[in-house]
Amino acid sequence: MYGVRLIPEGTLKGVDEATLKLADGSTAGLTLHTFDGTIPQLRRSLDRSLDAFFDLLPGAENEDVETFGE
């Protein structure tokens, strides 16, 4: 799961812990990241975050990383 929410600067009051409820009845934590800056800075931060997500993705084969990674 990966999601993005853009909000205007200065409107965020706080961030609470997020919990996913899975179909088998168990729960899992969801890591939340916040980024701020100019549009180019936001793009770079998001790119780095997505790269890290795919590096940690279970089942990513070396061939996939070599073909699609940078």
N, C-alpha and C. Protein backbone atom coordinates (compact mmCIF):
# COMPACT_ATOMS: atom_id res chain seq x y z
N MET A 1 0.85 -1.16 0.00
CA MET A 1 0.00 0.00 0.00
C MET A 1 0.89 1.22 0.00
N TYR A 2 0.58 2.17 -0.85
CA TYR A 2 1.32 3.42 -0.88
C TYR A 2 0.33 4.51 -1.23
N GLY A 3 0.30 5.55 -0.46
CA GLY A 3 -0.65 6.64 -0.71
C GLY A 3 0.01 7.98 -0.52
N VAL A 4 -0.57 8.99 -1.13
CA VAL A 4 -0.06 10.35 -1.03
C VAL A 4 -1.23 11.28 -0.73
N ARG A 5 -1.00 12.21 0.17
CA ARG A 5 -2.02 13.23 0.47
C ARG A 5 -1.33 14.58 0.48
N LEU A 6 -1.74 15.49 -0.37
CA LEU A 6 -1.18 16.83 -0.41
C LEU A 6 -2.11 17.78 0.34
N ILE A 7 -1.54 18.57 1.23
CA ILE A 7 -2.33 19.57 1.95
C ILE A 7 -1.58 20.90 1.92
N PRO A 8 -2.30 21.99 1.98
CA PRO A 8 -1.65 23.31 1.95
C PRO A 8 -0.71 23.50 3.15
N GLU A 9 0.37 24.21 2.92
CA GLU A 9 1.33 24.50 3.96
C GLU A 9 0.65 25.21 5.13
N GLY A 10 1.02 24.80 6.32
CA GLY A 10 0.49 25.44 7.52
C GLY A 10 -0.84 24.90 8.01
N THR A 11 -1.41 23.91 7.30
CA THR A 11 -2.71 23.39 7.72
C THR A 11 -2.63 22.10 8.53
N LEU A 12 -1.46 21.47 8.59
CA LEU A 12 -1.32 20.22 9.34
C LEU A 12 -1.14 20.52 10.82
N LYS A 13 -2.04 20.00 11.62
CA LYS A 13 -1.98 20.21 13.07
C LYS A 13 -1.25 19.06 13.75
N GLY A 14 -1.36 17.85 13.23
CA GLY A 14 -0.70 16.70 13.84
C GLY A 14 -0.90 15.46 13.00
N VAL A 15 -0.18 14.41 13.34
CA VAL A 15 -0.27 13.11 12.65
C VAL A 15 -0.38 12.03 13.71
N ASP A 16 -1.37 11.17 13.59
CA ASP A 16 -1.54 10.05 14.52
C ASP A 16 -1.05 8.77 13.87
N GLU A 17 -0.80 7.78 14.70
CA GLU A 17 -0.38 6.47 14.23
C GLU A 17 -1.49 5.86 13.40
N ALA A 18 -1.13 5.18 12.33
CA ALA A 18 -2.12 4.55 11.45
C ALA A 18 -2.04 3.03 11.60
N THR A 19 -3.20 2.38 11.61
CA THR A 19 -3.28 0.93 11.71
C THR A 19 -4.13 0.38 10.57
N LEU A 20 -3.60 -0.63 9.91
CA LEU A 20 -4.34 -1.32 8.86
C LEU A 20 -5.06 -2.51 9.47
N LYS A 21 -6.28 -2.76 9.05
CA LYS A 21 -7.04 -3.94 9.48
C LYS A 21 -7.07 -4.91 8.30
N LEU A 22 -6.44 -6.05 8.45
CA LEU A 22 -6.29 -7.02 7.37
C LEU A 22 -7.47 -7.99 7.33
N ALA A 23 -7.67 -8.61 6.17
CA ALA A 23 -8.81 -9.50 5.95
C ALA A 23 -8.82 -10.69 6.92
N ASP A 24 -7.64 -11.13 7.35
CA ASP A 24 -7.59 -12.28 8.26
C ASP A 24 -7.85 -11.90 9.72
N GLY A 25 -8.18 -10.63 9.96
CA GLY A 25 -8.48 -10.16 11.31
C GLY A 25 -7.30 -9.55 12.05
N SER A 26 -6.11 -9.69 11.49
CA SER A 26 -4.94 -9.12 12.15
C SER A 26 -4.80 -7.64 11.78
N THR A 27 -3.87 -6.98 12.43
CA THR A 27 -3.61 -5.58 12.15
C THR A 27 -2.13 -5.40 11.83
N ALA A 28 -1.81 -4.32 11.17
CA ALA A 28 -0.43 -3.98 10.84
C ALA A 28 -0.28 -2.47 10.91
N GLY A 29 0.90 -2.04 11.31
CA GLY A 29 1.18 -0.61 11.37
C GLY A 29 1.44 -0.05 9.97
N LEU A 30 1.22 1.22 9.83
CA LEU A 30 1.46 1.90 8.56
C LEU A 30 2.37 3.09 8.83
N THR A 31 3.54 3.09 8.22
CA THR A 31 4.49 4.17 8.41
C THR A 31 4.04 5.40 7.63
N LEU A 32 4.01 6.51 8.31
CA LEU A 32 3.62 7.77 7.68
C LEU A 32 4.86 8.66 7.53
N HIS A 33 5.00 9.26 6.37
CA HIS A 33 6.11 10.18 6.11
C HIS A 33 5.53 11.54 5.74
N THR A 34 6.16 12.58 6.18
CA THR A 34 5.74 13.91 5.76
C THR A 34 6.90 14.57 5.02
N PHE A 35 6.58 15.28 3.99
CA PHE A 35 7.56 16.02 3.20
C PHE A 35 7.09 17.46 3.09
N ASP A 36 8.01 18.38 3.10
CA ASP A 36 7.64 19.75 2.80
C ASP A 36 8.72 20.37 1.94
N GLY A 37 8.38 21.45 1.29
CA GLY A 37 9.34 22.14 0.44
C GLY A 37 8.68 22.62 -0.84
N THR A 38 9.53 23.01 -1.76
CA THR A 38 9.07 23.46 -3.08
C THR A 38 8.65 22.25 -3.89
N ILE A 39 8.01 22.48 -5.01
CA ILE A 39 7.60 21.36 -5.87
C ILE A 39 8.79 20.50 -6.27
N PRO A 40 9.92 21.07 -6.73
CA PRO A 40 11.07 20.21 -7.05
C PRO A 40 11.58 19.42 -5.84
N GLN A 41 11.59 20.03 -4.65
CA GLN A 41 12.02 19.33 -3.45
C GLN A 41 11.05 18.20 -3.11
N LEU A 42 9.75 18.44 -3.25
CA LEU A 42 8.76 17.41 -3.00
C LEU A 42 8.93 16.24 -3.96
N ARG A 43 9.18 16.54 -5.24
CA ARG A 43 9.38 15.47 -6.23
C ARG A 43 10.58 14.61 -5.87
N ARG A 44 11.69 15.25 -5.48
CA ARG A 44 12.89 14.48 -5.11
C ARG A 44 12.61 13.62 -3.87
N SER A 45 11.94 14.19 -2.88
CA SER A 45 11.62 13.43 -1.67
C SER A 45 10.73 12.24 -1.99
N LEU A 46 9.72 12.45 -2.82
CA LEU A 46 8.82 11.37 -3.19
C LEU A 46 9.55 10.30 -3.99
N ASP A 47 10.42 10.70 -4.91
CA ASP A 47 11.21 9.73 -5.68
C ASP A 47 12.06 8.88 -4.75
N ARG A 48 12.72 9.49 -3.78
CA ARG A 48 13.55 8.73 -2.83
C ARG A 48 12.69 7.78 -2.01
N SER A 49 11.54 8.24 -1.59
CA SER A 49 10.65 7.40 -0.80
C SER A 49 10.16 6.20 -1.60
N LEU A 50 9.78 6.43 -2.86
CA LEU A 50 9.33 5.32 -3.72
C LEU A 50 10.46 4.34 -3.98
N ASP A 51 11.67 4.84 -4.21
CA ASP A 51 12.81 3.95 -4.42
C ASP A 51 13.01 3.05 -3.20
N ALA A 52 12.94 3.63 -2.02
CA ALA A 52 13.12 2.85 -0.79
C ALA A 52 12.01 1.82 -0.64
N PHE A 53 10.78 2.19 -0.99
CA PHE A 53 9.65 1.27 -0.92
C PHE A 53 9.92 0.04 -1.77
N PHE A 54 10.36 0.24 -3.01
CA PHE A 54 10.59 -0.90 -3.91
C PHE A 54 11.83 -1.69 -3.52
N ASP A 55 12.80 -1.06 -2.89
CA ASP A 55 13.97 -1.80 -2.40
C ASP A 55 13.57 -2.78 -1.31
N LEU A 56 12.56 -2.42 -0.52
CA LEU A 56 12.14 -3.26 0.60
C LEU A 56 11.00 -4.21 0.25
N LEU A 57 10.44 -4.08 -0.93
CA LEU A 57 9.27 -4.86 -1.33
C LEU A 57 9.61 -6.35 -1.38
N PRO A 58 8.92 -7.18 -0.59
CA PRO A 58 9.18 -8.62 -0.63
C PRO A 58 8.89 -9.18 -2.03
N GLY A 59 9.73 -10.08 -2.47
CA GLY A 59 9.50 -10.72 -3.76
C GLY A 59 10.14 -10.00 -4.94
N ALA A 60 10.79 -8.87 -4.70
CA ALA A 60 11.46 -8.17 -5.79
C ALA A 60 12.69 -8.98 -6.20
N GLU A 61 12.66 -9.45 -7.40
CA GLU A 61 13.77 -10.25 -7.92
C GLU A 61 14.91 -9.34 -8.35
N ASN A 62 16.14 -9.85 -8.27
CA ASN A 62 17.29 -9.07 -8.71
C ASN A 62 17.13 -8.61 -10.15
N GLU A 63 16.54 -9.48 -10.99
CA GLU A 63 16.34 -9.13 -12.39
C GLU A 63 15.41 -7.92 -12.52
N ASP A 64 14.35 -7.89 -11.70
CA ASP A 64 13.43 -6.75 -11.71
C ASP A 64 14.16 -5.47 -11.31
N VAL A 65 14.97 -5.55 -10.26
CA VAL A 65 15.70 -4.39 -9.79
C VAL A 65 16.67 -3.91 -10.86
N GLU A 66 17.34 -4.84 -11.52
CA GLU A 66 18.29 -4.47 -12.58
C GLU A 66 17.57 -3.86 -13.78
N THR A 67 16.41 -4.40 -14.13
CA THR A 67 15.65 -3.93 -15.31
C THR A 67 14.97 -2.60 -15.03
N PHE A 68 14.31 -2.49 -13.87
CA PHE A 68 13.48 -1.34 -13.61
C PHE A 68 14.08 -0.35 -12.61
N GLY A 69 15.08 -0.78 -11.84
CA GLY A 69 15.71 0.11 -10.88
C GLY A 69 16.66 1.07 -11.56
N GLU A 70 17.12 2.01 -10.78
CA GLU A 70 18.07 2.97 -11.34
C GLU A 70 19.44 2.72 -10.79
